[in-house]
Amino acid sequence: MSIIYVLIPIAVLLTAIGLYLFFWAVKTEQFDDLEKQGLSILFDDEKDTESEGTTESNTTSSQNHNNQSKDN
């Protein structure tokens, strides 16, 4: 029976912490756009696409240069 004197304050404390964290998350707009992060993995960023295109074109031009050197 004496364990109840320990468990009830612990339960009240954990509930208070949970409520505080919930209201903090709502206040700081953590729940505003839940789908954005899930969908962001499906689309490339503009910056990544441009840098990859530059790298690919540099690689292609260096490969073409190497092929021309071998032909001569």
N, C-alpha and C. Protein backbone atom coordinates (compact mmCIF):
# COMPACT_ATOMS: atom_id res chain seq x y z
N MET A 1 0.81 -1.20 0.00
CA MET A 1 0.00 0.00 0.00
C MET A 1 0.86 1.26 0.00
N SER A 2 2.04 1.19 0.57
CA SER A 2 2.89 2.38 0.63
C SER A 2 3.48 2.73 -0.74
N ILE A 3 3.50 1.78 -1.67
CA ILE A 3 4.02 2.06 -3.01
C ILE A 3 3.13 3.06 -3.74
N ILE A 4 1.87 3.10 -3.39
CA ILE A 4 0.94 4.05 -4.02
C ILE A 4 1.35 5.48 -3.71
N TYR A 5 1.94 5.71 -2.56
CA TYR A 5 2.38 7.06 -2.20
C TYR A 5 3.56 7.51 -3.07
N VAL A 6 4.24 6.56 -3.67
CA VAL A 6 5.35 6.89 -4.57
C VAL A 6 4.86 6.98 -6.01
N LEU A 7 3.99 6.05 -6.42
CA LEU A 7 3.56 5.99 -7.82
C LEU A 7 2.64 7.14 -8.22
N ILE A 8 1.78 7.59 -7.33
CA ILE A 8 0.86 8.68 -7.67
C ILE A 8 1.62 9.98 -7.96
N PRO A 9 2.57 10.41 -7.14
CA PRO A 9 3.32 11.63 -7.50
C PRO A 9 4.14 11.47 -8.78
N ILE A 10 4.67 10.27 -8.99
CA ILE A 10 5.43 10.04 -10.23
C ILE A 10 4.49 10.16 -11.44
N ALA A 11 3.30 9.58 -11.35
CA ALA A 11 2.33 9.65 -12.44
C ALA A 11 1.90 11.09 -12.69
N VAL A 12 1.67 11.84 -11.64
CA VAL A 12 1.28 13.25 -11.78
C VAL A 12 2.41 14.06 -12.41
N LEU A 13 3.63 13.79 -12.00
CA LEU A 13 4.79 14.50 -12.56
C LEU A 13 4.97 14.18 -14.04
N LEU A 14 4.89 12.91 -14.42
CA LEU A 14 5.03 12.53 -15.83
C LEU A 14 3.90 13.10 -16.68
N THR A 15 2.70 13.14 -16.15
CA THR A 15 1.57 13.74 -16.86
C THR A 15 1.79 15.24 -17.07
N ALA A 16 2.28 15.92 -16.05
CA ALA A 16 2.56 17.35 -16.16
C ALA A 16 3.65 17.62 -17.20
N ILE A 17 4.69 16.80 -17.19
CA ILE A 17 5.76 16.97 -18.18
C ILE A 17 5.24 16.72 -19.58
N GLY A 18 4.42 15.68 -19.75
CA GLY A 18 3.83 15.38 -21.06
C GLY A 18 2.95 16.50 -21.57
N LEU A 19 2.13 17.05 -20.70
CA LEU A 19 1.28 18.18 -21.10
C LEU A 19 2.10 19.41 -21.46
N TYR A 20 3.14 19.68 -20.68
CA TYR A 20 4.00 20.82 -20.97
C TYR A 20 4.65 20.65 -22.34
N LEU A 21 5.18 19.47 -22.62
CA LEU A 21 5.83 19.23 -23.91
C LEU A 21 4.84 19.31 -25.07
N PHE A 22 3.63 18.83 -24.86
CA PHE A 22 2.61 18.92 -25.90
C PHE A 22 2.28 20.37 -26.22
N PHE A 23 2.02 21.17 -25.19
CA PHE A 23 1.68 22.58 -25.44
C PHE A 23 2.86 23.36 -25.99
N TRP A 24 4.08 22.99 -25.61
CA TRP A 24 5.27 23.62 -26.19
C TRP A 24 5.35 23.31 -27.68
N ALA A 25 5.09 22.07 -28.06
CA ALA A 25 5.14 21.68 -29.47
C ALA A 25 4.08 22.41 -30.28
N VAL A 26 2.90 22.57 -29.73
CA VAL A 26 1.84 23.29 -30.43
C VAL A 26 2.22 24.77 -30.55
N LYS A 27 2.76 25.33 -29.50
CA LYS A 27 3.12 26.76 -29.51
C LYS A 27 4.24 27.05 -30.50
N THR A 28 5.19 26.15 -30.64
CA THR A 28 6.31 26.38 -31.55
C THR A 28 6.04 25.83 -32.96
N GLU A 29 4.76 25.53 -33.23
CA GLU A 29 4.29 25.14 -34.56
C GLU A 29 4.95 23.88 -35.08
N GLN A 30 5.17 22.90 -34.22
CA GLN A 30 5.76 21.63 -34.63
C GLN A 30 4.79 20.77 -35.43
N PHE A 31 3.50 21.01 -35.29
CA PHE A 31 2.49 20.19 -35.95
C PHE A 31 1.86 20.87 -37.16
N ASP A 32 2.42 21.96 -37.64
CA ASP A 32 1.79 22.70 -38.72
C ASP A 32 1.81 21.96 -40.06
N ASP A 33 2.94 21.43 -40.46
CA ASP A 33 3.05 20.78 -41.77
C ASP A 33 3.68 19.41 -41.59
N LEU A 34 2.84 18.42 -41.35
CA LEU A 34 3.35 17.08 -41.08
C LEU A 34 3.75 16.33 -42.34
N GLU A 35 3.22 16.71 -43.49
CA GLU A 35 3.50 15.98 -44.72
C GLU A 35 4.73 16.48 -45.46
N LYS A 36 5.18 17.68 -45.18
CA LYS A 36 6.29 18.27 -45.93
C LYS A 36 7.56 17.43 -45.81
N GLN A 37 7.92 17.03 -44.61
CA GLN A 37 9.14 16.26 -44.43
C GLN A 37 9.04 14.88 -45.05
N GLY A 38 7.85 14.30 -45.04
CA GLY A 38 7.67 12.99 -45.64
C GLY A 38 7.77 13.03 -47.15
N LEU A 39 7.33 14.11 -47.75
CA LEU A 39 7.36 14.23 -49.20
C LEU A 39 8.68 14.80 -49.72
N SER A 40 9.44 15.43 -48.85
CA SER A 40 10.67 16.07 -49.31
C SER A 40 11.69 15.07 -49.83
N ILE A 41 11.64 13.84 -49.38
CA ILE A 41 12.59 12.83 -49.84
C ILE A 41 12.30 12.40 -51.28
N LEU A 42 11.09 12.65 -51.75
CA LEU A 42 10.71 12.21 -53.10
C LEU A 42 11.18 13.16 -54.19
N PHE A 43 11.52 14.38 -53.84
CA PHE A 43 11.88 15.39 -54.83
C PHE A 43 13.31 15.87 -54.62
N ASP A 44 14.02 16.10 -55.72
CA ASP A 44 15.38 16.64 -55.64
C ASP A 44 15.33 18.13 -55.38
N ASP A 45 16.33 18.62 -54.68
CA ASP A 45 16.46 20.04 -54.48
C ASP A 45 17.04 20.67 -55.74
N GLU A 46 16.74 21.93 -55.97
CA GLU A 46 17.27 22.64 -57.13
C GLU A 46 18.79 22.70 -57.09
N LYS A 47 19.35 22.96 -55.92
CA LYS A 47 20.80 23.08 -55.79
C LYS A 47 21.49 21.76 -56.08
N ASP A 48 20.95 20.65 -55.59
CA ASP A 48 21.55 19.34 -55.82
C ASP A 48 21.50 18.97 -57.29
N THR A 49 20.40 19.27 -57.96
CA THR A 49 20.25 18.94 -59.37
C THR A 49 21.26 19.72 -60.21
N GLU A 50 21.44 21.00 -59.91
CA GLU A 50 22.38 21.82 -60.67
C GLU A 50 23.81 21.34 -60.47
N SER A 51 24.18 21.03 -59.24
CA SER A 51 25.55 20.60 -58.99
C SER A 51 25.82 19.23 -59.59
N GLU A 52 24.83 18.33 -59.58
CA GLU A 52 25.00 17.02 -60.19
C GLU A 52 25.13 17.15 -61.71
N GLY A 53 24.34 18.03 -62.31
CA GLY A 53 24.42 18.24 -63.74
C GLY A 53 25.78 18.77 -64.15
N THR A 54 26.36 19.66 -63.36
CA THR A 54 27.68 20.19 -63.64
C THR A 54 28.72 19.10 -63.52
N THR A 55 28.63 18.27 -62.52
CA THR A 55 29.57 17.18 -62.32
C THR A 55 29.48 16.19 -63.46
N GLU A 56 28.25 15.87 -63.89
CA GLU A 56 28.08 14.92 -64.98
C GLU A 56 28.63 15.48 -66.28
N SER A 57 28.42 16.76 -66.55
CA SER A 57 28.91 17.33 -67.78
C SER A 57 30.43 17.40 -67.76
N ASN A 58 31.04 17.69 -66.61
CA ASN A 58 32.49 17.69 -66.51
C ASN A 58 33.05 16.29 -66.72
N THR A 59 32.40 15.29 -66.17
CA THR A 59 32.84 13.91 -66.32
C THR A 59 32.72 13.50 -67.77
N THR A 60 31.62 13.85 -68.41
CA THR A 60 31.40 13.50 -69.81
C THR A 60 32.43 14.17 -70.70
N SER A 61 32.72 15.44 -70.47
CA SER A 61 33.68 16.15 -71.30
C SER A 61 35.09 15.59 -71.10
N SER A 62 35.43 15.19 -69.88
CA SER A 62 36.75 14.60 -69.66
C SER A 62 36.84 13.22 -70.29
N GLN A 63 35.74 12.46 -70.31
CA GLN A 63 35.74 11.16 -70.96
C GLN A 63 35.87 11.33 -72.47
N ASN A 64 35.18 12.32 -73.03
CA ASN A 64 35.29 12.59 -74.47
C ASN A 64 36.71 13.00 -74.82
N HIS A 65 37.32 13.80 -73.97
CA HIS A 65 38.70 14.24 -74.20
C HIS A 65 39.64 13.05 -74.17
N ASN A 66 39.45 12.13 -73.24
CA ASN A 66 40.29 10.94 -73.15
C ASN A 66 40.09 10.05 -74.36
N ASN A 67 38.85 9.91 -74.85
CA ASN A 67 38.59 9.11 -76.03
C ASN A 67 39.23 9.71 -77.26
N GLN A 68 39.23 11.02 -77.39
CA GLN A 68 39.86 11.69 -78.53
C GLN A 68 41.37 11.51 -78.49
N SER A 69 41.94 11.52 -77.29
CA SER A 69 43.37 11.33 -77.15
C SER A 69 43.77 9.94 -77.57
N LYS A 70 42.99 8.95 -77.28
CA LYS A 70 43.28 7.57 -77.64
C LYS A 70 43.16 7.36 -79.14
N ASP A 71 42.22 8.06 -79.76
CA ASP A 71 42.02 7.92 -81.21
C ASP A 71 43.19 8.49 -81.98
N ASN A 72 43.85 9.50 -81.44
CA ASN A 72 44.97 10.14 -82.16
C ASN A 72 46.18 9.33 -81.94
